[in-house]
Structure formats: structure tokens, C-alpha cells
Amino acid sequence: MSKPVMQVALVVGPDCDMESQAVRAALEYFGVRVFTYWIGRPNDLISVLSGDDLYEGTDMMLLNFHGDEGSLIMPELGEEVYEEDEPGGGFGPGEIKRFAKLDGKTVIANGCSLGDPALADAFLERGCRMYIGPDDYPDGNDALMFVLRLFYEIVQQGRDVKEAFAQAVAMSGELSMYRLYERQES
């Protein structure tokens, strides 16, 4: 592989494997180096969001998860399986504020309702430069096409994230539910 144009962390939640394989193949075809993280439990996600298990030089993070009511849906484990201090249930704003360290990263959360303002604010509060996600429940094919178009515009067309976002949401009225949040410098 020649020098990659960017490095992306593809963080894959439960039951998101088919879409994630399609995204990874397309991004690698575009010349992106993709590091895939398969999330089996909350501590796996914490390791990535905290930076403990994130490859140096990662430019963007794509959270490919199902979501509901502004939280990432996590695998359900038996109570006896959780480690000490490992959160059970959904992974929402409280968990992001508690565990994430995302200084300067752009995060795309491509799952239902993951563009919820409270979740976006939590990511921005923890250092995320830009946060993108749908504030409603997109069809799976629309979510896939949004991500592919976003990265196509960034990589192939040389657009910045805001310009690429505008091109991606313009593909379909269904994609108007996607939101871009940006950290305001004080």
C-alpha cells in the first residue's frame, strides 16, 4: 500500500458487520488506511474512545453502531460478565463524558439517533473537533451511502469535512436528518 491519504478508525458495534465491511472496502479503495475495531463489550469501546487502543495518527473515527434515543446500542452481557466499573446498557452522553478523550478528532456516528444534540455535545466537550450523525432513524442503505459519499468527497474531491458533508446530505431528502456539530473555540 502506498502512503495512505488518511487514517480512519472504523469502530464496529454489534450487528453492524455487513455495512462495516462495505465501508472498509470502499475506504481502502479510496486510499484510506482503515483500522477496524470490533466491539464486543463496553470496555472495548472505552479503550478506543479514551485513545488507549487508538493507532497514532488516526484522523477520523467512524462509529458504525445501531443507536436509539441518542445512545449507542451495546452488546447485552450477563451481569456476572461485566468487569468492575464497566458500564452496562446503552452508551450515551454520560459515558462519553466519563471515558472519551478525542482531542482534535472528527467523529462520525452513523447510527439511528446518534446525531442527538446531547450526545454531540458530550463528544465536543471531550475534545472532538467535529461530530456528525443523524438525529432521526435513517434507512440502512441511506446511512451507508451517506458515509461513502462523505469520504468520496473528502478523499477524491479534496473537500474539507464541511463541504463534503454538504455534498453528502444533498444526495437525498432522507439525508437531511444528518447534523454536523463543531466545537466552538473559546
N, C-alpha and C. Protein backbone atom coordinates (compact mmCIF):
# COMPACT_ATOMS: atom_id res chain seq x y z
N MET A 1 0.86 -1.18 0.00
CA MET A 1 0.00 0.00 0.00
C MET A 1 0.89 1.23 0.00
N SER A 2 0.62 2.15 -0.89
CA SER A 2 1.35 3.41 -0.87
C SER A 2 0.90 4.23 0.33
N LYS A 3 1.54 5.34 0.54
CA LYS A 3 1.19 6.18 1.70
C LYS A 3 -0.30 6.50 1.68
N PRO A 4 -0.99 6.20 2.78
CA PRO A 4 -2.44 6.45 2.81
C PRO A 4 -2.74 7.95 2.83
N VAL A 5 -3.91 8.31 2.28
CA VAL A 5 -4.32 9.70 2.27
C VAL A 5 -4.81 10.14 3.64
N MET A 6 -5.27 9.19 4.46
CA MET A 6 -5.69 9.46 5.82
C MET A 6 -5.83 8.13 6.54
N GLN A 7 -5.94 8.20 7.85
CA GLN A 7 -6.17 7.01 8.66
C GLN A 7 -7.50 7.17 9.37
N VAL A 8 -8.32 6.12 9.29
CA VAL A 8 -9.65 6.15 9.88
C VAL A 8 -9.81 4.96 10.82
N ALA A 9 -10.35 5.23 12.00
CA ALA A 9 -10.73 4.17 12.93
C ALA A 9 -12.18 3.81 12.64
N LEU A 10 -12.41 2.59 12.20
CA LEU A 10 -13.76 2.09 11.96
C LEU A 10 -14.14 1.26 13.18
N VAL A 11 -15.03 1.80 14.00
CA VAL A 11 -15.39 1.18 15.27
C VAL A 11 -16.77 0.54 15.08
N VAL A 12 -16.81 -0.79 15.17
CA VAL A 12 -17.99 -1.55 14.74
C VAL A 12 -18.75 -2.11 15.93
N GLY A 13 -20.01 -1.69 16.04
CA GLY A 13 -20.89 -2.17 17.10
C GLY A 13 -21.55 -3.48 16.71
N PRO A 14 -22.33 -4.04 17.62
CA PRO A 14 -23.00 -5.31 17.36
C PRO A 14 -23.97 -5.24 16.18
N ASP A 15 -23.97 -6.29 15.39
CA ASP A 15 -24.88 -6.45 14.25
C ASP A 15 -24.69 -5.37 13.18
N CYS A 16 -23.48 -4.87 13.03
CA CYS A 16 -23.17 -3.86 12.01
C CYS A 16 -22.07 -4.34 11.07
N ASP A 17 -21.86 -5.64 11.01
CA ASP A 17 -20.72 -6.16 10.27
C ASP A 17 -20.82 -6.03 8.76
N MET A 18 -21.99 -6.24 8.17
CA MET A 18 -22.10 -6.17 6.71
C MET A 18 -21.84 -4.76 6.19
N GLU A 19 -22.47 -3.77 6.80
CA GLU A 19 -22.24 -2.38 6.38
C GLU A 19 -20.78 -1.99 6.61
N SER A 20 -20.23 -2.44 7.72
CA SER A 20 -18.84 -2.09 8.04
C SER A 20 -17.86 -2.68 7.03
N GLN A 21 -18.13 -3.90 6.57
CA GLN A 21 -17.26 -4.50 5.55
C GLN A 21 -17.33 -3.69 4.25
N ALA A 22 -18.52 -3.25 3.88
CA ALA A 22 -18.69 -2.44 2.66
C ALA A 22 -17.95 -1.11 2.80
N VAL A 23 -18.09 -0.47 3.96
CA VAL A 23 -17.41 0.81 4.20
C VAL A 23 -15.91 0.63 4.16
N ARG A 24 -15.43 -0.40 4.84
CA ARG A 24 -13.98 -0.61 4.87
C ARG A 24 -13.43 -0.83 3.47
N ALA A 25 -14.09 -1.69 2.69
CA ALA A 25 -13.61 -1.97 1.33
C ALA A 25 -13.57 -0.69 0.49
N ALA A 26 -14.62 0.11 0.57
CA ALA A 26 -14.66 1.34 -0.22
C ALA A 26 -13.58 2.33 0.23
N LEU A 27 -13.43 2.51 1.54
CA LEU A 27 -12.42 3.46 2.02
C LEU A 27 -11.02 3.02 1.63
N GLU A 28 -10.74 1.72 1.75
CA GLU A 28 -9.42 1.24 1.36
C GLU A 28 -9.21 1.44 -0.15
N TYR A 29 -10.25 1.26 -0.94
CA TYR A 29 -10.15 1.51 -2.37
C TYR A 29 -9.83 2.98 -2.65
N PHE A 30 -10.36 3.88 -1.82
CA PHE A 30 -10.08 5.32 -1.95
C PHE A 30 -8.65 5.67 -1.52
N GLY A 31 -7.95 4.74 -0.88
CA GLY A 31 -6.59 5.01 -0.42
C GLY A 31 -6.49 5.34 1.06
N VAL A 32 -7.54 5.07 1.81
CA VAL A 32 -7.56 5.33 3.25
C VAL A 32 -7.02 4.10 3.98
N ARG A 33 -6.22 4.32 5.00
CA ARG A 33 -5.81 3.21 5.88
C ARG A 33 -6.89 3.09 6.95
N VAL A 34 -7.51 1.93 7.02
CA VAL A 34 -8.62 1.69 7.94
C VAL A 34 -8.18 0.73 9.03
N PHE A 35 -8.34 1.16 10.27
CA PHE A 35 -8.12 0.29 11.43
C PHE A 35 -9.49 -0.08 11.97
N THR A 36 -9.82 -1.36 11.94
CA THR A 36 -11.15 -1.81 12.35
C THR A 36 -11.10 -2.33 13.79
N TYR A 37 -12.03 -1.85 14.58
CA TYR A 37 -12.16 -2.25 15.98
C TYR A 37 -13.53 -2.91 16.14
N TRP A 38 -13.54 -4.19 16.44
CA TRP A 38 -14.78 -4.94 16.66
C TRP A 38 -15.13 -4.84 18.13
N ILE A 39 -16.26 -4.25 18.45
CA ILE A 39 -16.65 -4.00 19.84
C ILE A 39 -17.53 -5.15 20.34
N GLY A 40 -17.02 -5.85 21.35
CA GLY A 40 -17.75 -6.95 21.94
C GLY A 40 -18.30 -6.64 23.31
N ARG A 41 -17.75 -5.59 23.92
CA ARG A 41 -18.18 -5.21 25.27
C ARG A 41 -17.86 -3.73 25.48
N PRO A 42 -18.47 -3.09 26.48
CA PRO A 42 -18.23 -1.66 26.71
C PRO A 42 -16.76 -1.30 26.88
N ASN A 43 -15.98 -2.12 27.57
CA ASN A 43 -14.57 -1.78 27.76
C ASN A 43 -13.79 -1.73 26.45
N ASP A 44 -14.22 -2.48 25.44
CA ASP A 44 -13.58 -2.38 24.11
C ASP A 44 -13.78 -0.98 23.54
N LEU A 45 -14.99 -0.47 23.65
CA LEU A 45 -15.28 0.88 23.16
C LEU A 45 -14.55 1.93 23.98
N ILE A 46 -14.51 1.75 25.27
CA ILE A 46 -13.79 2.68 26.15
C ILE A 46 -12.32 2.76 25.75
N SER A 47 -11.70 1.62 25.44
CA SER A 47 -10.29 1.61 25.05
C SER A 47 -10.03 2.43 23.79
N VAL A 48 -10.99 2.42 22.87
CA VAL A 48 -10.83 3.20 21.64
C VAL A 48 -11.11 4.67 21.90
N LEU A 49 -12.25 4.96 22.55
CA LEU A 49 -12.63 6.36 22.78
C LEU A 49 -11.66 7.10 23.70
N SER A 50 -11.02 6.38 24.60
CA SER A 50 -10.06 7.01 25.51
C SER A 50 -8.70 7.24 24.85
N GLY A 51 -8.50 6.61 23.68
CA GLY A 51 -7.22 6.71 22.99
C GLY A 51 -6.24 5.63 23.37
N ASP A 52 -6.56 4.83 24.39
CA ASP A 52 -5.64 3.78 24.83
C ASP A 52 -5.36 2.76 23.74
N ASP A 53 -6.34 2.47 22.89
CA ASP A 53 -6.19 1.46 21.85
C ASP A 53 -6.37 2.05 20.46
N LEU A 54 -6.05 3.33 20.31
CA LEU A 54 -6.22 4.01 19.03
C LEU A 54 -4.85 4.21 18.38
N TYR A 55 -4.74 3.83 17.11
CA TYR A 55 -3.46 3.98 16.43
C TYR A 55 -3.09 5.45 16.31
N GLU A 56 -1.82 5.73 16.53
CA GLU A 56 -1.31 7.10 16.42
C GLU A 56 -1.52 7.61 15.00
N GLY A 57 -1.91 8.85 14.88
CA GLY A 57 -2.11 9.46 13.57
C GLY A 57 -3.48 9.23 12.97
N THR A 58 -4.39 8.65 13.75
CA THR A 58 -5.75 8.45 13.24
C THR A 58 -6.42 9.80 13.06
N ASP A 59 -6.91 10.05 11.85
CA ASP A 59 -7.51 11.35 11.51
C ASP A 59 -8.98 11.44 11.90
N MET A 60 -9.71 10.36 11.62
CA MET A 60 -11.15 10.37 11.84
C MET A 60 -11.58 9.06 12.48
N MET A 61 -12.72 9.14 13.15
CA MET A 61 -13.30 7.95 13.77
C MET A 61 -14.72 7.78 13.25
N LEU A 62 -15.02 6.59 12.75
CA LEU A 62 -16.36 6.27 12.28
C LEU A 62 -16.95 5.25 13.22
N LEU A 63 -17.96 5.67 13.98
CA LEU A 63 -18.66 4.77 14.90
C LEU A 63 -19.82 4.16 14.12
N ASN A 64 -19.66 2.93 13.72
CA ASN A 64 -20.68 2.24 12.94
C ASN A 64 -21.49 1.36 13.89
N PHE A 65 -22.50 1.98 14.49
CA PHE A 65 -23.31 1.37 15.53
C PHE A 65 -24.78 1.54 15.21
N HIS A 66 -25.60 0.69 15.82
CA HIS A 66 -27.01 0.99 15.89
C HIS A 66 -27.17 1.95 17.06
N GLY A 67 -28.17 2.80 16.98
CA GLY A 67 -28.41 3.74 18.06
C GLY A 67 -29.89 3.83 18.37
N ASP A 68 -30.18 4.32 19.56
CA ASP A 68 -31.57 4.54 19.95
C ASP A 68 -31.60 5.63 21.01
N GLU A 69 -32.46 6.59 20.80
CA GLU A 69 -32.65 7.70 21.74
C GLU A 69 -31.32 8.34 22.16
N GLY A 70 -30.43 8.57 21.20
CA GLY A 70 -29.19 9.28 21.46
C GLY A 70 -28.13 8.48 22.18
N SER A 71 -28.21 7.15 22.15
CA SER A 71 -27.19 6.29 22.77
C SER A 71 -26.77 5.20 21.80
N LEU A 72 -25.51 4.82 21.87
CA LEU A 72 -25.02 3.69 21.08
C LEU A 72 -25.52 2.41 21.73
N ILE A 73 -26.06 1.50 20.93
CA ILE A 73 -26.53 0.23 21.46
C ILE A 73 -25.34 -0.70 21.62
N MET A 74 -25.15 -1.18 22.83
CA MET A 74 -24.03 -2.05 23.17
C MET A 74 -24.50 -3.49 23.30
N PRO A 75 -23.57 -4.44 23.20
CA PRO A 75 -23.95 -5.84 23.41
C PRO A 75 -24.49 -6.02 24.83
N GLU A 76 -25.49 -6.87 24.97
CA GLU A 76 -26.02 -7.16 26.30
C GLU A 76 -25.27 -8.36 26.85
N LEU A 77 -24.63 -8.15 27.98
CA LEU A 77 -23.86 -9.20 28.64
C LEU A 77 -24.54 -9.60 29.93
N GLY A 78 -24.27 -10.80 30.40
CA GLY A 78 -24.77 -11.20 31.71
C GLY A 78 -24.10 -10.37 32.79
N GLU A 79 -24.82 -10.07 33.85
CA GLU A 79 -24.28 -9.24 34.94
C GLU A 79 -22.92 -9.73 35.43
N GLU A 80 -22.76 -11.06 35.49
CA GLU A 80 -21.52 -11.63 36.02
C GLU A 80 -20.34 -11.45 35.06
N VAL A 81 -20.61 -11.06 33.82
CA VAL A 81 -19.56 -10.91 32.81
C VAL A 81 -18.92 -9.52 32.85
N TYR A 82 -19.68 -8.51 33.27
CA TYR A 82 -19.14 -7.15 33.31
C TYR A 82 -17.98 -7.06 34.29
N GLU A 83 -16.95 -6.33 33.88
CA GLU A 83 -15.82 -6.07 34.76
C GLU A 83 -16.17 -4.92 35.70
N GLU A 84 -15.38 -4.78 36.74
CA GLU A 84 -15.63 -3.72 37.72
C GLU A 84 -15.59 -2.35 37.03
N ASP A 85 -16.57 -1.52 37.30
CA ASP A 85 -16.72 -0.17 36.74
C ASP A 85 -17.04 -0.14 35.24
N GLU A 86 -17.33 -1.30 34.63
CA GLU A 86 -17.71 -1.32 33.22
C GLU A 86 -19.20 -1.01 33.12
N PRO A 87 -19.57 0.01 32.34
CA PRO A 87 -20.99 0.38 32.25
C PRO A 87 -21.79 -0.68 31.49
N GLY A 88 -22.99 -0.96 31.96
CA GLY A 88 -23.90 -1.86 31.26
C GLY A 88 -24.96 -1.04 30.55
N GLY A 89 -25.65 -1.64 29.62
CA GLY A 89 -26.71 -0.94 28.90
C GLY A 89 -26.17 -0.08 27.78
N GLY A 90 -26.93 0.95 27.41
CA GLY A 90 -26.55 1.86 26.33
C GLY A 90 -25.35 2.70 26.69
N PHE A 91 -24.72 3.27 25.68
CA PHE A 91 -23.54 4.11 25.85
C PHE A 91 -23.91 5.49 25.35
N GLY A 92 -24.29 6.37 26.29
CA GLY A 92 -24.79 7.69 25.92
C GLY A 92 -23.89 8.82 26.36
N PRO A 93 -24.45 10.03 26.48
CA PRO A 93 -23.66 11.20 26.83
C PRO A 93 -22.87 11.06 28.14
N GLY A 94 -23.47 10.44 29.15
CA GLY A 94 -22.77 10.29 30.42
C GLY A 94 -21.50 9.46 30.29
N GLU A 95 -21.59 8.37 29.54
CA GLU A 95 -20.43 7.51 29.35
C GLU A 95 -19.37 8.19 28.48
N ILE A 96 -19.82 8.95 27.49
CA ILE A 96 -18.85 9.68 26.65
C ILE A 96 -18.09 10.69 27.50
N LYS A 97 -18.81 11.44 28.33
CA LYS A 97 -18.15 12.43 29.19
C LYS A 97 -17.19 11.77 30.18
N ARG A 98 -17.52 10.58 30.59
CA ARG A 98 -16.70 9.88 31.58
C ARG A 98 -15.43 9.28 30.97
N PHE A 99 -15.50 8.77 29.74
CA PHE A 99 -14.40 7.96 29.22
C PHE A 99 -13.66 8.53 28.01
N ALA A 100 -14.28 9.34 27.20
CA ALA A 100 -13.68 9.74 25.92
C ALA A 100 -12.61 10.81 26.08
N LYS A 101 -11.57 10.70 25.25
CA LYS A 101 -10.51 11.70 25.12
C LYS A 101 -10.22 11.79 23.62
N LEU A 102 -10.83 12.76 22.96
CA LEU A 102 -10.81 12.80 21.50
C LEU A 102 -10.21 14.08 20.94
N ASP A 103 -9.17 14.56 21.55
CA ASP A 103 -8.59 15.85 21.19
C ASP A 103 -8.35 15.98 19.69
N GLY A 104 -9.13 16.87 19.07
CA GLY A 104 -8.95 17.21 17.68
C GLY A 104 -9.52 16.23 16.67
N LYS A 105 -10.15 15.17 17.10
CA LYS A 105 -10.67 14.16 16.17
C LYS A 105 -12.00 14.61 15.57
N THR A 106 -12.27 14.12 14.37
CA THR A 106 -13.58 14.23 13.76
C THR A 106 -14.24 12.87 13.94
N VAL A 107 -15.46 12.86 14.48
CA VAL A 107 -16.18 11.61 14.75
C VAL A 107 -17.47 11.62 13.94
N ILE A 108 -17.69 10.52 13.23
CA ILE A 108 -18.93 10.30 12.50
C ILE A 108 -19.62 9.13 13.19
N ALA A 109 -20.79 9.37 13.73
CA ALA A 109 -21.56 8.31 14.40
C ALA A 109 -22.71 7.97 13.47
N ASN A 110 -22.57 6.88 12.75
CA ASN A 110 -23.52 6.58 11.68
C ASN A 110 -24.55 5.55 12.14
N GLY A 111 -25.35 5.92 13.11
CA GLY A 111 -26.42 5.05 13.58
C GLY A 111 -27.63 5.88 13.96
N CYS A 112 -28.75 5.22 14.04
CA CYS A 112 -30.01 5.91 14.34
C CYS A 112 -29.90 6.76 15.60
N SER A 113 -30.32 7.99 15.50
CA SER A 113 -30.42 8.99 16.56
C SER A 113 -29.08 9.37 17.19
N LEU A 114 -27.97 9.00 16.58
CA LEU A 114 -26.67 9.33 17.18
C LEU A 114 -26.23 10.76 16.87
N GLY A 115 -27.05 11.51 16.16
CA GLY A 115 -26.83 12.94 15.97
C GLY A 115 -27.60 13.76 16.99
N ASP A 116 -28.07 13.11 18.04
CA ASP A 116 -28.78 13.77 19.12
C ASP A 116 -27.89 14.88 19.71
N PRO A 117 -28.43 16.08 19.92
CA PRO A 117 -27.60 17.18 20.41
C PRO A 117 -26.88 16.90 21.73
N ALA A 118 -27.50 16.19 22.66
CA ALA A 118 -26.85 15.89 23.94
C ALA A 118 -25.64 14.98 23.73
N LEU A 119 -25.76 14.01 22.84
CA LEU A 119 -24.62 13.12 22.56
C LEU A 119 -23.52 13.89 21.84
N ALA A 120 -23.91 14.71 20.88
CA ALA A 120 -22.93 15.53 20.15
C ALA A 120 -22.19 16.45 21.11
N ASP A 121 -22.92 17.10 22.02
CA ASP A 121 -22.29 17.99 23.00
C ASP A 121 -21.29 17.25 23.87
N ALA A 122 -21.62 16.01 24.25
CA ALA A 122 -20.70 15.21 25.07
C ALA A 122 -19.41 14.94 24.31
N PHE A 123 -19.51 14.59 23.04
CA PHE A 123 -18.31 14.35 22.23
C PHE A 123 -17.49 15.62 22.09
N LEU A 124 -18.15 16.74 21.83
CA LEU A 124 -17.43 18.00 21.67
C LEU A 124 -16.76 18.42 22.97
N GLU A 125 -17.45 18.20 24.08
CA GLU A 125 -16.89 18.52 25.40
C GLU A 125 -15.62 17.72 25.68
N ARG A 126 -15.54 16.52 25.13
CA ARG A 126 -14.38 15.66 25.36
C ARG A 126 -13.31 15.81 24.29
N GLY A 127 -13.36 16.94 23.55
CA GLY A 127 -12.27 17.30 22.67
C GLY A 127 -12.48 17.06 21.19
N CYS A 128 -13.58 16.46 20.82
CA CYS A 128 -13.87 16.21 19.43
C CYS A 128 -13.97 17.54 18.68
N ARG A 129 -13.32 17.64 17.52
CA ARG A 129 -13.34 18.88 16.73
C ARG A 129 -14.65 19.02 15.99
N MET A 130 -15.10 17.93 15.35
CA MET A 130 -16.38 17.90 14.65
C MET A 130 -17.06 16.57 14.94
N TYR A 131 -18.38 16.63 14.98
CA TYR A 131 -19.18 15.44 15.24
C TYR A 131 -20.34 15.43 14.25
N ILE A 132 -20.55 14.28 13.60
CA ILE A 132 -21.60 14.13 12.59
C ILE A 132 -22.44 12.91 12.92
N GLY A 133 -23.76 13.06 12.81
CA GLY A 133 -24.65 11.92 12.99
C GLY A 133 -26.08 12.31 12.65
N PRO A 134 -26.94 11.30 12.41
CA PRO A 134 -28.35 11.57 12.12
C PRO A 134 -29.14 11.77 13.41
N ASP A 135 -30.05 12.74 13.41
CA ASP A 135 -30.87 12.97 14.61
C ASP A 135 -32.20 12.23 14.54
N ASP A 136 -32.32 11.33 13.56
CA ASP A 136 -33.52 10.52 13.41
C ASP A 136 -33.08 9.09 13.08
N TYR A 137 -33.93 8.34 12.41
CA TYR A 137 -33.69 6.93 12.16
C TYR A 137 -33.59 6.66 10.66
N PRO A 138 -32.35 6.77 10.07
CA PRO A 138 -32.21 6.59 8.62
C PRO A 138 -32.32 5.12 8.22
N ASP A 139 -32.74 4.91 7.00
CA ASP A 139 -32.70 3.58 6.39
C ASP A 139 -31.23 3.17 6.28
N GLY A 140 -30.95 1.88 6.44
CA GLY A 140 -29.57 1.40 6.40
C GLY A 140 -28.84 1.73 5.11
N ASN A 141 -29.52 1.63 3.97
CA ASN A 141 -28.87 1.96 2.70
C ASN A 141 -28.53 3.44 2.62
N ASP A 142 -29.40 4.29 3.16
CA ASP A 142 -29.11 5.72 3.17
C ASP A 142 -27.90 6.03 4.04
N ALA A 143 -27.82 5.37 5.20
CA ALA A 143 -26.68 5.58 6.10
C ALA A 143 -25.37 5.16 5.44
N LEU A 144 -25.40 4.03 4.75
CA LEU A 144 -24.21 3.57 4.04
C LEU A 144 -23.80 4.56 2.96
N MET A 145 -24.75 5.00 2.17
CA MET A 145 -24.44 5.93 1.09
C MET A 145 -23.95 7.28 1.61
N PHE A 146 -24.49 7.72 2.74
CA PHE A 146 -24.02 8.97 3.33
C PHE A 146 -22.52 8.89 3.61
N VAL A 147 -22.11 7.83 4.29
CA VAL A 147 -20.70 7.69 4.66
C VAL A 147 -19.81 7.56 3.43
N LEU A 148 -20.24 6.76 2.47
CA LEU A 148 -19.43 6.59 1.26
C LEU A 148 -19.28 7.92 0.52
N ARG A 149 -20.35 8.67 0.39
CA ARG A 149 -20.27 9.96 -0.31
C ARG A 149 -19.42 10.96 0.47
N LEU A 150 -19.58 10.98 1.79
CA LEU A 150 -18.79 11.89 2.62
C LEU A 150 -17.29 11.65 2.38
N PHE A 151 -16.88 10.39 2.47
CA PHE A 151 -15.45 10.10 2.29
C PHE A 151 -15.01 10.27 0.84
N TYR A 152 -15.88 9.98 -0.11
CA TYR A 152 -15.55 10.21 -1.52
C TYR A 152 -15.23 11.69 -1.74
N GLU A 153 -16.06 12.55 -1.19
CA GLU A 153 -15.86 14.00 -1.37
C GLU A 153 -14.58 14.46 -0.69
N ILE A 154 -14.28 13.91 0.48
CA ILE A 154 -13.05 14.30 1.20
C ILE A 154 -11.82 13.81 0.45
N VAL A 155 -11.81 12.52 0.10
CA VAL A 155 -10.61 11.91 -0.48
C VAL A 155 -10.46 12.23 -1.96
N GLN A 156 -11.49 11.93 -2.75
CA GLN A 156 -11.39 12.08 -4.21
C GLN A 156 -11.49 13.53 -4.67
N GLN A 157 -12.34 14.30 -4.02
CA GLN A 157 -12.58 15.66 -4.47
C GLN A 157 -11.81 16.72 -3.67
N GLY A 158 -11.12 16.28 -2.62
CA GLY A 158 -10.29 17.20 -1.84
C GLY A 158 -11.08 18.22 -1.04
N ARG A 159 -12.32 17.92 -0.73
CA ARG A 159 -13.14 18.86 0.03
C ARG A 159 -12.85 18.73 1.52
N ASP A 160 -13.05 19.84 2.24
CA ASP A 160 -12.94 19.74 3.70
C ASP A 160 -14.22 19.05 4.21
N VAL A 161 -14.25 18.74 5.49
CA VAL A 161 -15.36 17.97 6.05
C VAL A 161 -16.69 18.69 5.87
N LYS A 162 -16.73 19.99 6.09
CA LYS A 162 -17.98 20.74 5.95
C LYS A 162 -18.51 20.71 4.53
N GLU A 163 -17.62 20.91 3.56
CA GLU A 163 -18.03 20.87 2.15
C GLU A 163 -18.49 19.46 1.76
N ALA A 164 -17.77 18.45 2.21
CA ALA A 164 -18.12 17.07 1.92
C ALA A 164 -19.47 16.71 2.55
N PHE A 165 -19.69 17.20 3.75
CA PHE A 165 -20.96 16.97 4.43
C PHE A 165 -22.11 17.55 3.61
N ALA A 166 -21.94 18.77 3.14
CA ALA A 166 -22.99 19.43 2.33
C ALA A 166 -23.29 18.63 1.07
N GLN A 167 -22.27 18.08 0.43
CA GLN A 167 -22.48 17.27 -0.77
C GLN A 167 -23.20 15.97 -0.43
N ALA A 168 -22.84 15.35 0.68
CA ALA A 168 -23.43 14.07 1.07
C ALA A 168 -24.90 14.22 1.42
N VAL A 169 -25.26 15.24 2.19
CA VAL A 169 -26.67 15.39 2.58
C VAL A 169 -27.53 15.82 1.40
N ALA A 170 -26.93 16.41 0.38
CA ALA A 170 -27.69 16.86 -0.79
C ALA A 170 -28.11 15.71 -1.70
N MET A 171 -27.59 14.51 -1.47
CA MET A 171 -27.93 13.37 -2.33
C MET A 171 -29.41 13.00 -2.25
N SER A 172 -30.02 13.20 -1.08
CA SER A 172 -31.39 12.73 -0.89
C SER A 172 -32.04 13.52 0.24
N GLY A 173 -33.34 13.74 0.12
CA GLY A 173 -34.07 14.39 1.20
C GLY A 173 -34.01 13.60 2.48
N GLU A 174 -33.88 12.29 2.38
CA GLU A 174 -33.77 11.41 3.55
C GLU A 174 -32.54 11.74 4.39
N LEU A 175 -31.50 12.27 3.74
CA LEU A 175 -30.25 12.53 4.45
C LEU A 175 -30.23 13.88 5.17
N SER A 176 -31.32 14.63 5.07
CA SER A 176 -31.38 15.92 5.76
C SER A 176 -31.39 15.76 7.28
N MET A 177 -31.56 14.54 7.76
CA MET A 177 -31.53 14.29 9.22
C MET A 177 -30.11 14.28 9.78
N TYR A 178 -29.10 14.29 8.91
CA TYR A 178 -27.72 14.30 9.39
C TYR A 178 -27.35 15.70 9.85
N ARG A 179 -26.64 15.77 10.95
CA ARG A 179 -26.22 17.04 11.55
C ARG A 179 -24.70 17.07 11.69
N LEU A 180 -24.13 18.24 11.51
CA LEU A 180 -22.71 18.46 11.76
C LEU A 180 -22.60 19.44 12.91
N TYR A 181 -21.89 19.01 13.94
CA TYR A 181 -21.64 19.86 15.11
C TYR A 181 -20.15 20.15 15.15
N GLU A 182 -19.83 21.39 15.53
CA GLU A 182 -18.43 21.79 15.57
C GLU A 182 -18.13 22.43 16.91
N ARG A 183 -16.98 22.09 17.45
CA ARG A 183 -16.57 22.67 18.73
C ARG A 183 -16.25 24.15 18.54
N GLN A 184 -16.80 24.94 19.39
CA GLN A 184 -16.57 26.38 19.36
C GLN A 184 -15.36 26.69 20.22
N GLU A 185 -14.38 27.32 19.62
CA GLU A 185 -13.17 27.70 20.36
C GLU A 185 -13.48 28.89 21.25
N SER A 186 -13.00 28.83 22.47
CA SER A 186 -13.27 29.94 23.40
C SER A 186 -12.15 30.94 23.45
